[in-house]
PDB file of N, CA and C in Angstrom:
ATOM      1  N   UNK A   1      81.638 110.364 106.983  1.00  0.00           N
ATOM      2  CA  UNK A   1      82.541 109.594 107.801  1.00  0.00           C
ATOM      3  C   UNK A   1      83.460 108.788 106.885  1.00  0.00           C
ATOM      4  N   UNK A   2      84.772 108.834 107.155  1.00  0.00           N
ATOM      5  CA  UNK A   2      85.745 108.042 106.415  1.00  0.00           C
ATOM      6  C   UNK A   2      85.804 106.633 106.974  1.00  0.00           C
ATOM      7  N   UNK A   3      86.000 105.671 106.109  1.00  0.00           N
ATOM      8  CA  UNK A   3      86.257 104.287 106.503  1.00  0.00           C
ATOM      9  C   UNK A   3      87.620 103.945 105.935  1.00  0.00           C
ATOM     10  N   UNK A   4      88.599 103.765 106.780  1.00  0.00           N
ATOM     11  CA  UNK A   4      89.971 103.578 106.337  1.00  0.00           C
ATOM     12  C   UNK A   4      90.473 102.185 106.688  1.00  0.00           C
ATOM     13  N   UNK A   5      90.951 101.476 105.681  1.00  0.00           N
ATOM     14  CA  UNK A   5      91.578 100.186 105.917  1.00  0.00           C
ATOM     15  C   UNK A   5      92.954 100.455 106.511  1.00  0.00           C
ATOM     16  N   UNK A   6      93.218  99.913 107.694  1.00  0.00           N
ATOM     17  CA  UNK A   6      94.445 100.212 108.416  1.00  0.00           C
ATOM     18  C   UNK A   6      95.366  99.016 108.593  1.00  0.00           C
ATOM     19  N   UNK A   7      94.820  97.781 108.607  1.00  0.00           N
ATOM     20  CA  UNK A   7      95.635  96.620 108.943  1.00  0.00           C
ATOM     21  C   UNK A   7      95.121  95.374 108.228  1.00  0.00           C
ATOM     22  N   UNK A   8      96.042  94.613 107.624  1.00  0.00           N
ATOM     23  CA  UNK A   8      95.710  93.374 106.934  1.00  0.00           C
ATOM     24  C   UNK A   8      96.575  92.261 107.520  1.00  0.00           C
ATOM     25  N   UNK A   9      95.958  91.167 107.940  1.00  0.00           N
ATOM     26  CA  UNK A   9      96.688  90.023 108.480  1.00  0.00           C
ATOM     27  C   UNK A   9      97.253  89.193 107.333  1.00  0.00           C
ATOM     28  N   UNK A  10      98.535  88.845 107.447  1.00  0.00           N
ATOM     29  CA  UNK A  10      99.217  88.023 106.454  1.00  0.00           C
ATOM     30  C   UNK A  10      99.704  86.757 107.171  1.00  0.00           C
ATOM     31  N   UNK A  11      99.152  85.590 106.823  1.00  0.00           N
ATOM     32  CA  UNK A  11      99.512  84.363 107.534  1.00  0.00           C
ATOM     33  C   UNK A  11     100.878  83.827 107.106  1.00  0.00           C
ATOM     34  N   UNK A  12     101.726  83.550 108.092  1.00  0.00           N
ATOM     35  CA  UNK A  12     103.076  83.048 107.829  1.00  0.00           C
ATOM     36  C   UNK A  12     103.359  81.851 108.733  1.00  0.00           C
ATOM     37  N   UNK A  13     104.283  80.999 108.307  1.00  0.00           N
ATOM     38  CA  UNK A  13     104.623  79.810 109.084  1.00  0.00           C
ATOM     39  C   UNK A  13     105.779  80.047 110.047  1.00  0.00           C
ATOM     40  N   UNK A  14     106.700  80.930 109.681  1.00  0.00           N
ATOM     41  CA  UNK A  14     107.872  81.222 110.499  1.00  0.00           C
ATOM     42  C   UNK A  14     107.917  82.737 110.704  1.00  0.00           C
ATOM     43  N   UNK A  15     107.509  83.172 111.873  1.00  0.00           N
ATOM     44  CA  UNK A  15     107.333  84.604 112.153  1.00  0.00           C
ATOM     45  C   UNK A  15     108.642  85.371 112.011  1.00  0.00           C
ATOM     46  N   UNK A  16     109.724  84.857 112.558  1.00  0.00           N
ATOM     47  CA  UNK A  16     110.996  85.583 112.483  1.00  0.00           C
ATOM     48  C   UNK A  16     111.530  85.645 111.057  1.00  0.00           C
ATOM     49  N   UNK A  17     111.373  84.568 110.298  1.00  0.00           N
ATOM     50  CA  UNK A  17     111.788  84.580 108.888  1.00  0.00           C
ATOM     51  C   UNK A  17     110.978  85.618 108.106  1.00  0.00           C
ATOM     52  N   UNK A  18     109.671  85.644 108.330  1.00  0.00           N
ATOM     53  CA  UNK A  18     108.809  86.602 107.631  1.00  0.00           C
ATOM     54  C   UNK A  18     109.147  88.036 108.037  1.00  0.00           C
ATOM     55  N   UNK A  19     109.390  88.257 109.321  1.00  0.00           N
ATOM     56  CA  UNK A  19     109.761  89.595 109.793  1.00  0.00           C
ATOM     57  C   UNK A  19     111.046  90.055 109.106  1.00  0.00           C
ATOM     58  N   UNK A  20     112.044  89.202 109.044  1.00  0.00           N
ATOM     59  CA  UNK A  20     113.306  89.550 108.387  1.00  0.00           C
ATOM     60  C   UNK A  20     113.082  89.841 106.906  1.00  0.00           C
ATOM     61  N   UNK A  21     112.246  89.039 106.246  1.00  0.00           N
ATOM     62  CA  UNK A  21     111.959  89.267 104.829  1.00  0.00           C
ATOM     63  C   UNK A  21     111.334  90.637 104.616  1.00  0.00           C
ATOM     64  N   UNK A  22     110.275  90.930 105.361  1.00  0.00           N
ATOM     65  CA  UNK A  22     109.561  92.185 105.142  1.00  0.00           C
ATOM     66  C   UNK A  22     110.372  93.412 105.552  1.00  0.00           C
ATOM     67  N   UNK A  23     111.165  93.310 106.594  1.00  0.00           N
ATOM     68  CA  UNK A  23     111.958  94.467 107.050  1.00  0.00           C
ATOM     69  C   UNK A  23     113.251  94.588 106.248  1.00  0.00           C
ATOM     70  N   UNK A  24     114.047  93.526 106.207  1.00  0.00           N
ATOM     71  CA  UNK A  24     115.384  93.604 105.622  1.00  0.00           C
ATOM     72  C   UNK A  24     115.393  93.551 104.102  1.00  0.00           C
ATOM     73  N   UNK A  25     114.490  92.786 103.513  1.00  0.00           N
ATOM     74  CA  UNK A  25     114.501  92.651 102.068  1.00  0.00           C
ATOM     75  C   UNK A  25     113.500  93.571 101.373  1.00  0.00           C
ATOM     76  N   UNK A  26     112.267  93.620 101.863  1.00  0.00           N
ATOM     77  CA  UNK A  26     111.254  94.447 101.200  1.00  0.00           C
ATOM     78  C   UNK A  26     111.346  95.901 101.656  1.00  0.00           C
ATOM     79  N   UNK A  27     111.826  96.129 102.870  1.00  0.00           N
ATOM     80  CA  UNK A  27     112.025  97.496 103.340  1.00  0.00           C
ATOM     81  C   UNK A  27     110.861  98.095 104.101  1.00  0.00           C
ATOM     82  N   UNK A  28     109.955  97.258 104.618  1.00  0.00           N
ATOM     83  CA  UNK A  28     108.849  97.764 105.425  1.00  0.00           C
ATOM     84  C   UNK A  28     109.391  98.279 106.760  1.00  0.00           C
ATOM     85  N   UNK A  29     108.698  99.240 107.334  1.00  0.00           N
ATOM     86  CA  UNK A  29     109.026  99.736 108.671  1.00  0.00           C
ATOM     87  C   UNK A  29     108.465  98.772 109.712  1.00  0.00           C
ATOM     88  N   UNK A  30     109.257  98.484 110.736  1.00  0.00           N
ATOM     89  CA  UNK A  30     108.796  97.672 111.866  1.00  0.00           C
ATOM     90  C   UNK A  30     108.167  98.608 112.881  1.00  0.00           C
ATOM     91  N   UNK A  31     106.837  98.529 113.025  1.00  0.00           N
ATOM     92  CA  UNK A  31     106.116  99.410 113.945  1.00  0.00           C
ATOM     93  C   UNK A  31     106.036  98.824 115.348  1.00  0.00           C
ATOM     94  N   UNK A  32     105.729  97.528 115.422  1.00  0.00           N
ATOM     95  CA  UNK A  32     105.566  96.851 116.715  1.00  0.00           C
ATOM     96  C   UNK A  32     106.024  95.404 116.584  1.00  0.00           C
ATOM     97  N   UNK A  33     106.570  94.878 117.655  1.00  0.00           N
ATOM     98  CA  UNK A  33     106.820  93.448 117.802  1.00  0.00           C
ATOM     99  C   UNK A  33     106.576  93.149 119.276  1.00  0.00           C
ATOM    100  N   UNK A  34     105.360  92.709 119.572  1.00  0.00           N
ATOM    101  CA  UNK A  34     104.952  92.499 120.957  1.00  0.00           C
ATOM    102  C   UNK A  34     104.551  91.050 121.193  1.00  0.00           C
ATOM    103  N   UNK A  35     105.199  90.419 122.135  1.00  0.00           N
ATOM    104  CA  UNK A  35     104.789  89.085 122.561  1.00  0.00           C
ATOM    105  C   UNK A  35     103.911  89.277 123.789  1.00  0.00           C
ATOM    106  N   UNK A  36     102.623  89.050 123.616  1.00  0.00           N
ATOM    107  CA  UNK A  36     101.651  89.223 124.693  1.00  0.00           C
ATOM    108  C   UNK A  36     101.726  88.038 125.650  1.00  0.00           C
ATOM    109  N   UNK A  37     101.792  86.840 125.072  1.00  0.00           N
ATOM    110  CA  UNK A  37     101.965  85.595 125.830  1.00  0.00           C
ATOM    111  C   UNK A  37     102.450  84.541 124.850  1.00  0.00           C
ATOM    112  N   UNK A  38     102.566  83.289 125.281  1.00  0.00           N
ATOM    113  CA  UNK A  38     103.083  82.239 124.391  1.00  0.00           C
ATOM    114  C   UNK A  38     102.191  81.991 123.179  1.00  0.00           C
ATOM    115  N   UNK A  39     100.932  82.359 123.254  1.00  0.00           N
ATOM    116  CA  UNK A  39      99.991  82.108 122.163  1.00  0.00           C
ATOM    117  C   UNK A  39      99.743  83.330 121.284  1.00  0.00           C
ATOM    118  N   UNK A  40     100.285  84.500 121.665  1.00  0.00           N
ATOM    119  CA  UNK A  40     100.001  85.712 120.901  1.00  0.00           C
ATOM    120  C   UNK A  40     101.237  86.593 120.778  1.00  0.00           C
ATOM    121  N   UNK A  41     101.695  86.728 119.546  1.00  0.00           N
ATOM    122  CA  UNK A  41     102.763  87.669 119.203  1.00  0.00           C
ATOM    123  C   UNK A  41     102.269  88.504 118.041  1.00  0.00           C
ATOM    124  N   UNK A  42     102.317  89.813 118.194  1.00  0.00           N
ATOM    125  CA  UNK A  42     101.768  90.754 117.228  1.00  0.00           C
ATOM    126  C   UNK A  42     102.902  91.585 116.643  1.00  0.00           C
ATOM    127  N   UNK A  43     103.114  91.460 115.337  1.00  0.00           N
ATOM    128  CA  UNK A  43     104.110  92.270 114.639  1.00  0.00           C
ATOM    129  C   UNK A  43     103.368  93.103 113.604  1.00  0.00           C
ATOM    130  N   UNK A  44     103.576  94.408 113.644  1.00  0.00           N
ATOM    131  CA  UNK A  44     102.968  95.309 112.659  1.00  0.00           C
ATOM    132  C   UNK A  44     104.068  95.899 111.803  1.00  0.00           C
ATOM    133  N   UNK A  45     103.879  95.814 110.487  1.00  0.00           N
ATOM    134  CA  UNK A  45     104.843  96.296 109.503  1.00  0.00           C
ATOM    135  C   UNK A  45     104.127  97.209 108.524  1.00  0.00           C
ATOM    136  N   UNK A  46     104.786  98.309 108.146  1.00  0.00           N
ATOM    137  CA  UNK A  46     104.148  99.273 107.252  1.00  0.00           C
ATOM    138  C   UNK A  46     105.069  99.619 106.086  1.00  0.00           C
ATOM    139  N   UNK A  47     104.554  99.501 104.857  1.00  0.00           N
ATOM    140  CA  UNK A  47     105.335  99.974 103.713  1.00  0.00           C
ATOM    141  C   UNK A  47     105.611 101.480 103.851  1.00  0.00           C
ATOM    142  N   UNK A  48     106.776 101.906 103.402  1.00  0.00           N
ATOM    143  CA  UNK A  48     107.118 103.337 103.497  1.00  0.00           C
ATOM    144  C   UNK A  48     106.026 104.191 102.846  1.00  0.00           C
ATOM    145  N   UNK A  49     105.538 105.173 103.576  1.00  0.00           N
ATOM    146  CA  UNK A  49     104.549 106.103 103.051  1.00  0.00           C
ATOM    147  C   UNK A  49     103.116 105.597 103.045  1.00  0.00           C
ATOM    148  N   UNK A  50     102.871 104.395 103.521  1.00  0.00           N
ATOM    149  CA  UNK A  50     101.531 103.811 103.466  1.00  0.00           C
ATOM    150  C   UNK A  50     100.724 104.140 104.716  1.00  0.00           C
ATOM    151  N   UNK A  51      99.423 104.283 104.544  1.00  0.00           N
ATOM    152  CA  UNK A  51      98.515 104.448 105.677  1.00  0.00           C
ATOM    153  C   UNK A  51      98.005 103.096 106.171  1.00  0.00           C
ATOM    154  N   UNK A  52      98.260 102.043 105.413  1.00  0.00           N
ATOM    155  CA  UNK A  52      97.812 100.701 105.776  1.00  0.00           C
ATOM    156  C   UNK A  52      99.022  99.830 106.091  1.00  0.00           C
ATOM    157  N   UNK A  53      98.892  99.016 107.128  1.00  0.00           N
ATOM    158  CA  UNK A  53      99.966  98.132 107.570  1.00  0.00           C
ATOM    159  C   UNK A  53      99.543  96.685 107.399  1.00  0.00           C
ATOM    160  N   UNK A  54     100.520  95.779 107.573  1.00  0.00           N
ATOM    161  CA  UNK A  54     100.208  94.357 107.663  1.00  0.00           C
ATOM    162  C   UNK A  54     100.573  93.895 109.064  1.00  0.00           C
ATOM    163  N   UNK A  55      99.981  92.783 109.472  1.00  0.00           N
ATOM    164  CA  UNK A  55     100.359  92.161 110.728  1.00  0.00           C
ATOM    165  C   UNK A  55     100.687  90.700 110.468  1.00  0.00           C
ATOM    166  N   UNK A  56     101.762  90.261 111.089  1.00  0.00           N
ATOM    167  CA  UNK A  56     102.146  88.855 111.099  1.00  0.00           C
ATOM    168  C   UNK A  56     102.350  88.485 112.554  1.00  0.00           C
ATOM    169  N   UNK A  57     102.413  87.203 112.838  1.00  0.00           N
ATOM    170  CA  UNK A  57     102.671  86.819 114.214  1.00  0.00           C
ATOM    171  C   UNK A  57     102.097  85.469 114.546  1.00  0.00           C
ATOM    172  N   UNK A  58     101.961  85.240 115.830  1.00  0.00           N
ATOM    173  CA  UNK A  58     101.389  84.012 116.366  1.00  0.00           C
ATOM    174  C   UNK A  58     100.029  84.339 116.949  1.00  0.00           C
ATOM    175  N   UNK A  59      99.020  83.537 116.608  1.00  0.00           N
ATOM    176  CA  UNK A  59      97.686  83.770 117.136  1.00  0.00           C
ATOM    177  C   UNK A  59      96.956  84.928 116.478  1.00  0.00           C
ATOM    178  N   UNK A  60      97.411  85.350 115.319  1.00  0.00           N
ATOM    179  CA  UNK A  60      96.822  86.506 114.621  1.00  0.00           C
ATOM    180  C   UNK A  60      95.665  86.085 113.715  1.00  0.00           C
ATOM    181  N   UNK A  61      95.852  84.990 112.981  1.00  0.00           N
ATOM    182  CA  UNK A  61      94.843  84.551 112.024  1.00  0.00           C
ATOM    183  C   UNK A  61      94.862  83.033 111.927  1.00  0.00           C
ATOM    184  N   UNK A  62      93.726  82.471 111.554  1.00  0.00           N
ATOM    185  CA  UNK A  62      93.629  81.030 111.329  1.00  0.00           C
ATOM    186  C   UNK A  62      93.884  80.672 109.865  1.00  0.00           C
ATOM    187  N   UNK A  63      94.120  81.671 109.031  1.00  0.00           N
ATOM    188  CA  UNK A  63      94.353  81.419 107.605  1.00  0.00           C
ATOM    189  C   UNK A  63      95.643  80.618 107.414  1.00  0.00           C
ATOM    190  N   UNK A  64      95.666  79.824 106.377  1.00  0.00           N
ATOM    191  CA  UNK A  64      96.818  78.993 106.057  1.00  0.00           C
ATOM    192  C   UNK A  64      97.975  79.873 105.578  1.00  0.00           C
ATOM    193  N   UNK A  65      99.198  79.652 106.086  1.00  0.00           N
ATOM    194  CA  UNK A  65     100.349  80.422 105.608  1.00  0.00           C
ATOM    195  C   UNK A  65     100.467  80.349 104.086  1.00  0.00           C
ATOM    196  N   UNK A  66     100.692  81.504 103.481  1.00  0.00           N
ATOM    197  CA  UNK A  66     100.826  81.581 102.037  1.00  0.00           C
ATOM    198  C   UNK A  66      99.527  81.686 101.281  1.00  0.00           C
ATOM    199  N   UNK A  67      98.410  81.781 101.974  1.00  0.00           N
ATOM    200  CA  UNK A  67      97.101  81.769 101.312  1.00  0.00           C
ATOM    201  C   UNK A  67      96.599  83.134 100.865  1.00  0.00           C
ATOM    202  N   UNK A  68      97.327  84.192 101.188  1.00  0.00           N
ATOM    203  CA  UNK A  68      96.875  85.534 100.820  1.00  0.00           C
ATOM    204  C   UNK A  68      97.526  85.951  99.504  1.00  0.00           C
ATOM    205  N   UNK A  69      96.709  86.406  98.589  1.00  0.00           N
ATOM    206  CA  UNK A  69      97.200  86.910  97.308  1.00  0.00           C
ATOM    207  C   UNK A  69      96.544  88.241  97.011  1.00  0.00           C
ATOM    208  N   UNK A  70      97.074  88.920  96.044  1.00  0.00           N
ATOM    209  CA  UNK A  70      96.459  90.176  95.620  1.00  0.00           C
ATOM    210  C   UNK A  70      96.776  91.372  96.491  1.00  0.00           C
ATOM    211  N   UNK A  71      97.761  91.250  97.373  1.00  0.00           N
ATOM    212  CA  UNK A  71      98.185  92.420  98.147  1.00  0.00           C
ATOM    213  C   UNK A  71      98.882  93.372  97.178  1.00  0.00           C
ATOM    214  N   UNK A  72      98.525  94.648  97.229  1.00  0.00           N
ATOM    215  CA  UNK A  72      99.027  95.563  96.217  1.00  0.00           C
ATOM    216  C   UNK A  72      99.491  96.869  96.830  1.00  0.00           C
ATOM    217  N   UNK A  73     100.636  97.323  96.353  1.00  0.00           N
ATOM    218  CA  UNK A  73     101.219  98.594  96.778  1.00  0.00           C
ATOM    219  C   UNK A  73     101.392  99.450  95.539  1.00  0.00           C
ATOM    220  N   UNK A  74     101.012 100.709  95.611  1.00  0.00           N
ATOM    221  CA  UNK A  74     101.193 101.642  94.507  1.00  0.00           C
ATOM    222  C   UNK A  74     102.497 102.401  94.729  1.00  0.00           C
ATOM    223  N   UNK A  75     103.315 102.457  93.683  1.00  0.00           N
ATOM    224  CA  UNK A  75     104.587 103.170  93.719  1.00  0.00           C
ATOM    225  C   UNK A  75     104.633 104.157  92.554  1.00  0.00           C
ATOM    226  N   UNK A  76     105.484 105.157  92.664  1.00  0.00           N
ATOM    227  CA  UNK A  76     105.583 106.156  91.591  1.00  0.00           C
ATOM    228  C   UNK A  76     106.433 105.678  90.423  1.00  0.00           C
ATOM    229  N   UNK A  77     107.362 104.742  90.672  1.00  0.00           N
ATOM    230  CA  UNK A  77     108.254 104.248  89.626  1.00  0.00           C
ATOM    231  C   UNK A  77     108.477 102.753  89.847  1.00  0.00           C
ATOM    232  N   UNK A  78     107.731 101.941  89.120  1.00  0.00           N
ATOM    233  CA  UNK A  78     107.785 100.495  89.351  1.00  0.00           C
ATOM    234  C   UNK A  78     109.130  99.905  88.948  1.00  0.00           C
ATOM    235  N   UNK A  79     109.789 100.465  87.948  1.00  0.00           N
ATOM    236  CA  UNK A  79     111.104  99.956  87.547  1.00  0.00           C
ATOM    237  C   UNK A  79     112.133 100.193  88.656  1.00  0.00           C
ATOM    238  N   UNK A  80     112.087 101.354  89.280  1.00  0.00           N
ATOM    239  CA  UNK A  80     113.001 101.650  90.390  1.00  0.00           C
ATOM    240  C   UNK A  80     112.683 100.764  91.598  1.00  0.00           C
ATOM    241  N   UNK A  81     111.402 100.562  91.874  1.00  0.00           N
ATOM    242  CA  UNK A  81     111.003  99.691  92.985  1.00  0.00           C
ATOM    243  C   UNK A  81     111.460  98.262  92.720  1.00  0.00           C
ATOM    244  N   UNK A  82     111.321  97.812  91.477  1.00  0.00           N
ATOM    245  CA  UNK A  82     111.778  96.476  91.110  1.00  0.00           C
ATOM    246  C   UNK A  82     113.278  96.346  91.333  1.00  0.00           C
ATOM    247  N   UNK A  83     114.037  97.336  90.887  1.00  0.00           N
ATOM    248  CA  UNK A  83     115.496  97.313  91.052  1.00  0.00           C
ATOM    249  C   UNK A  83     115.878  97.275  92.532  1.00  0.00           C
ATOM    250  N   UNK A  84     115.161  98.022  93.356  1.00  0.00           N
ATOM    251  CA  UNK A  84     115.431  98.021  94.793  1.00  0.00           C
ATOM    252  C   UNK A  84     115.185  96.640  95.389  1.00  0.00           C
ATOM    253  N   UNK A  85     114.043  96.035  95.066  1.00  0.00           N
ATOM    254  CA  UNK A  85     113.738  94.707  95.595  1.00  0.00           C
ATOM    255  C   UNK A  85     114.742  93.669  95.090  1.00  0.00           C
ATOM    256  N   UNK A  86     115.045  93.711  93.816  1.00  0.00           N
ATOM    257  CA  UNK A  86     116.005  92.782  93.240  1.00  0.00           C
ATOM    258  C   UNK A  86     117.374  92.929  93.924  1.00  0.00           C
ATOM    259  N   UNK A  87     117.776  94.156  94.176  1.00  0.00           N
ATOM    260  CA  UNK A  87     119.036  94.419  94.856  1.00  0.00           C
ATOM    261  C   UNK A  87     119.067  93.931  96.294  1.00  0.00           C
ATOM    262  N   UNK A  88     117.903  93.769  96.889  1.00  0.00           N
ATOM    263  CA  UNK A  88     117.798  93.262  98.259  1.00  0.00           C
ATOM    264  C   UNK A  88     117.561  91.751  98.301  1.00  0.00           C
ATOM    265  N   UNK A  89     117.609  91.117  97.131  1.00  0.00           N
ATOM    266  CA  UNK A  89     117.484  89.664  97.083  1.00  0.00           C
ATOM    267  C   UNK A  89     116.077  89.124  96.992  1.00  0.00           C
ATOM    268  N   UNK A  90     115.106  89.965  96.670  1.00  0.00           N
ATOM    269  CA  UNK A  90     113.728  89.506  96.511  1.00  0.00           C
ATOM    270  C   UNK A  90     113.549  89.006  95.081  1.00  0.00           C
ATOM    271  N   UNK A  91     112.997  87.818  94.921  1.00  0.00           N
ATOM    272  CA  UNK A  91     112.692  87.285  93.592  1.00  0.00           C
ATOM    273  C   UNK A  91     111.475  88.026  93.058  1.00  0.00           C
ATOM    274  N   UNK A  92     111.686  88.886  92.100  1.00  0.00           N
ATOM    275  CA  UNK A  92     110.629  89.753  91.576  1.00  0.00           C
ATOM    276  C   UNK A  92     110.563  89.585  90.059  1.00  0.00           C
ATOM    277  N   UNK A  93     109.355  89.665  89.518  1.00  0.00           N
ATOM    278  CA  UNK A  93     109.184  89.508  88.075  1.00  0.00           C
ATOM    279  C   UNK A  93     109.727  90.727  87.335  1.00  0.00           C
ATOM    280  N   UNK A  94     109.816  90.573  86.034  1.00  0.00           N
ATOM    281  CA  UNK A  94     110.111  91.725  85.185  1.00  0.00           C
ATOM    282  C   UNK A  94     108.889  92.653  85.197  1.00  0.00           C
ATOM    283  N   UNK A  95     109.073  93.886  84.781  1.00  0.00           N
ATOM    284  CA  UNK A  95     107.959  94.833  84.696  1.00  0.00           C
ATOM    285  C   UNK A  95     106.988  94.352  83.618  1.00  0.00           C
ATOM    286  N   UNK A  96     105.720  94.316  83.982  1.00  0.00           N
ATOM    287  CA  UNK A  96     104.665  93.941  83.048  1.00  0.00           C
ATOM    288  C   UNK A  96     103.742  95.138  82.870  1.00  0.00           C
ATOM    289  N   UNK A  97     103.421  95.450  81.628  1.00  0.00           N
ATOM    290  CA  UNK A  97     102.596  96.622  81.341  1.00  0.00           C
ATOM    291  C   UNK A  97     101.207  96.201  80.888  1.00  0.00           C
ATOM    292  N   UNK A  98     100.210  96.813  81.525  1.00  0.00           N
ATOM    293  CA  UNK A  98      98.800  96.591  81.209  1.00  0.00           C
ATOM    294  C   UNK A  98      98.160  97.949  80.938  1.00  0.00           C
ATOM    295  N   UNK A  99      96.968  97.992  80.354  1.00  0.00           N
ATOM    296  CA  UNK A  99      96.306  99.274  80.112  1.00  0.00           C
ATOM    297  C   UNK A  99      96.048 100.080  81.388  1.00  0.00           C
ATOM    298  N   UNK A 100      96.004  99.425  82.539  1.00  0.00           N
ATOM    299  CA  UNK A 100      95.703 100.102  83.807  1.00  0.00           C
ATOM    300  C   UNK A 100      96.936 100.349  84.666  1.00  0.00           C
ATOM    301  N   UNK A 101      98.116 100.035  84.144  1.00  0.00           N
ATOM    302  CA  UNK A 101      99.331 100.332  84.890  1.00  0.00           C
ATOM    303  C   UNK A 101     100.445  99.348  84.621  1.00  0.00           C
ATOM    304  N   UNK A 102     101.603  99.664  85.193  1.00  0.00           N
ATOM    305  CA  UNK A 102     102.773  98.793  85.104  1.00  0.00           C
ATOM    306  C   UNK A 102     102.918  98.073  86.439  1.00  0.00           C
ATOM    307  N   UNK A 103     103.283  96.776  86.384  1.00  0.00           N
ATOM    308  CA  UNK A 103     103.323  95.949  87.586  1.00  0.00           C
ATOM    309  C   UNK A 103     104.600  95.122  87.651  1.00  0.00           C
ATOM    310  N   UNK A 104     104.989  94.798  88.887  1.00  0.00           N
ATOM    311  CA  UNK A 104     105.911  93.704  89.168  1.00  0.00           C
ATOM    312  C   UNK A 104     105.292  92.898  90.300  1.00  0.00           C
ATOM    313  N   UNK A 105     105.648  91.617  90.357  1.00  0.00           N
ATOM    314  CA  UNK A 105     105.049  90.717  91.331  1.00  0.00           C
ATOM    315  C   UNK A 105     106.141  89.983  92.103  1.00  0.00           C
ATOM    316  N   UNK A 106     105.852  89.689  93.377  1.00  0.00           N
ATOM    317  CA  UNK A 106     106.749  88.882  94.183  1.00  0.00           C
ATOM    318  C   UNK A 106     105.946  88.160  95.248  1.00  0.00           C
ATOM    319  N   UNK A 107     106.580  87.186  95.887  1.00  0.00           N
ATOM    320  CA  UNK A 107     105.943  86.435  96.968  1.00  0.00           C
ATOM    321  C   UNK A 107     106.849  86.430  98.177  1.00  0.00           C
ATOM    322  N   UNK A 108     106.232  86.358  99.357  1.00  0.00           N
ATOM    323  CA  UNK A 108     107.031  86.216 100.570  1.00  0.00           C
ATOM    324  C   UNK A 108     107.460  84.749 100.695  1.00  0.00           C
ATOM    325  N   UNK A 109     108.270  84.413 101.686  1.00  0.00           N
ATOM    326  CA  UNK A 109     108.765  83.031 101.791  1.00  0.00           C
ATOM    327  C   UNK A 109     107.670  81.965 101.913  1.00  0.00           C
ATOM    328  N   UNK A 110     106.479  82.333 102.359  1.00  0.00           N
ATOM    329  CA  UNK A 110     105.373  81.378 102.458  1.00  0.00           C
ATOM    330  C   UNK A 110     104.532  81.315 101.195  1.00  0.00           C
ATOM    331  N   UNK A 111     104.715  82.274 100.287  1.00  0.00           N
ATOM    332  CA  UNK A 111     103.938  82.296  99.056  1.00  0.00           C
ATOM    333  C   UNK A 111     102.813  83.306  99.013  1.00  0.00           C
ATOM    334  N   UNK A 112     102.695  84.165 100.037  1.00  0.00           N
ATOM    335  CA  UNK A 112     101.712  85.241  99.977  1.00  0.00           C
ATOM    336  C   UNK A 112     102.104  86.178  98.831  1.00  0.00           C
ATOM    337  N   UNK A 113     101.137  86.519  97.982  1.00  0.00           N
ATOM    338  CA  UNK A 113     101.438  87.242  96.752  1.00  0.00           C
ATOM    339  C   UNK A 113     101.243  88.740  96.829  1.00  0.00           C
ATOM    340  N   UNK A 114     102.230  89.449  96.278  1.00  0.00           N
ATOM    341  CA  UNK A 114     102.258  90.909  96.269  1.00  0.00           C
ATOM    342  C   UNK A 114     102.404  91.431  94.843  1.00  0.00           C
ATOM    343  N   UNK A 115     101.834  92.611  94.615  1.00  0.00           N
ATOM    344  CA  UNK A 115     102.028  93.344  93.365  1.00  0.00           C
ATOM    345  C   UNK A 115     102.435  94.767  93.703  1.00  0.00           C
ATOM    346  N   UNK A 116     103.366  95.299  92.919  1.00  0.00           N
ATOM    347  CA  UNK A 116     103.659  96.726  92.966  1.00  0.00           C
ATOM    348  C   UNK A 116     103.108  97.305  91.680  1.00  0.00           C
ATOM    349  N   UNK A 117     102.350  98.387  91.788  1.00  0.00           N
ATOM    350  CA  UNK A 117     101.720  98.991  90.625  1.00  0.00           C
ATOM    351  C   UNK A 117     102.150 100.438  90.475  1.00  0.00           C
ATOM    352  N   UNK A 118     102.521 100.795  89.258  1.00  0.00           N
ATOM    353  CA  UNK A 118     102.720 102.192  88.886  1.00  0.00           C
ATOM    354  C   UNK A 118     101.480 102.593  88.094  1.00  0.00           C
ATOM    355  N   UNK A 119     100.723 103.528  88.626  1.00  0.00           N
ATOM    356  CA  UNK A 119      99.488 103.935  87.979  1.00  0.00           C
ATOM    357  C   UNK A 119      99.788 104.688  86.681  1.00  0.00           C
ATOM    358  N   UNK A 120      98.906 104.530  85.720  1.00  0.00           N
ATOM    359  CA  UNK A 120      99.029 105.322  84.494  1.00  0.00           C
ATOM    360  C   UNK A 120      98.365 106.684  84.748  1.00  0.00           C
ATOM    361  N   UNK A 121      98.842 107.727  84.112  1.00  0.00           N
ATOM    362  CA  UNK A 121      98.204 109.043  84.296  1.00  0.00           C
ATOM    363  C   UNK A 121      96.748 109.001  83.849  1.00  0.00           C
ATOM    364  N   UNK A 122      95.899 109.621  84.644  1.00  0.00           N
ATOM    365  CA  UNK A 122      94.470 109.669  84.300  1.00  0.00           C
ATOM    366  C   UNK A 122      94.225 110.824  83.363  1.00  0.00           C
ATOM    367  N   UNK A 123      93.307 110.616  82.446  1.00  0.00           N
ATOM    368  CA  UNK A 123      92.986 111.656  81.472  1.00  0.00           C
ATOM    369  C   UNK A 123      92.057 112.674  82.030  1.00  0.00           C
TER     370      UNK A 123
END
């Protein structure tokens, strides 16, 4: 039996600002934006090509906005991904190289931390 991680809650303080950041600047696909009632709004966003999505909204999580770190996306070319994000106005670090891959890092407007990783070829 497969166990697949499908959805990760990302706590944000301003839902519309975060939605605009993830869709317009980072380039995530907007899958859903549903207001169930005044206490529950569910927005699902998915990185291009990913099987796992994030959710932001109202009434989604009790976590403090900006408290999530270590969110990671694997890309085939981290330099190209960095250039794309930089061109869209995302404050992104320079490419950093480690023995386990090349990375760039950025944060959403609340401070939730993201990494893009280019994997090194396996021997």
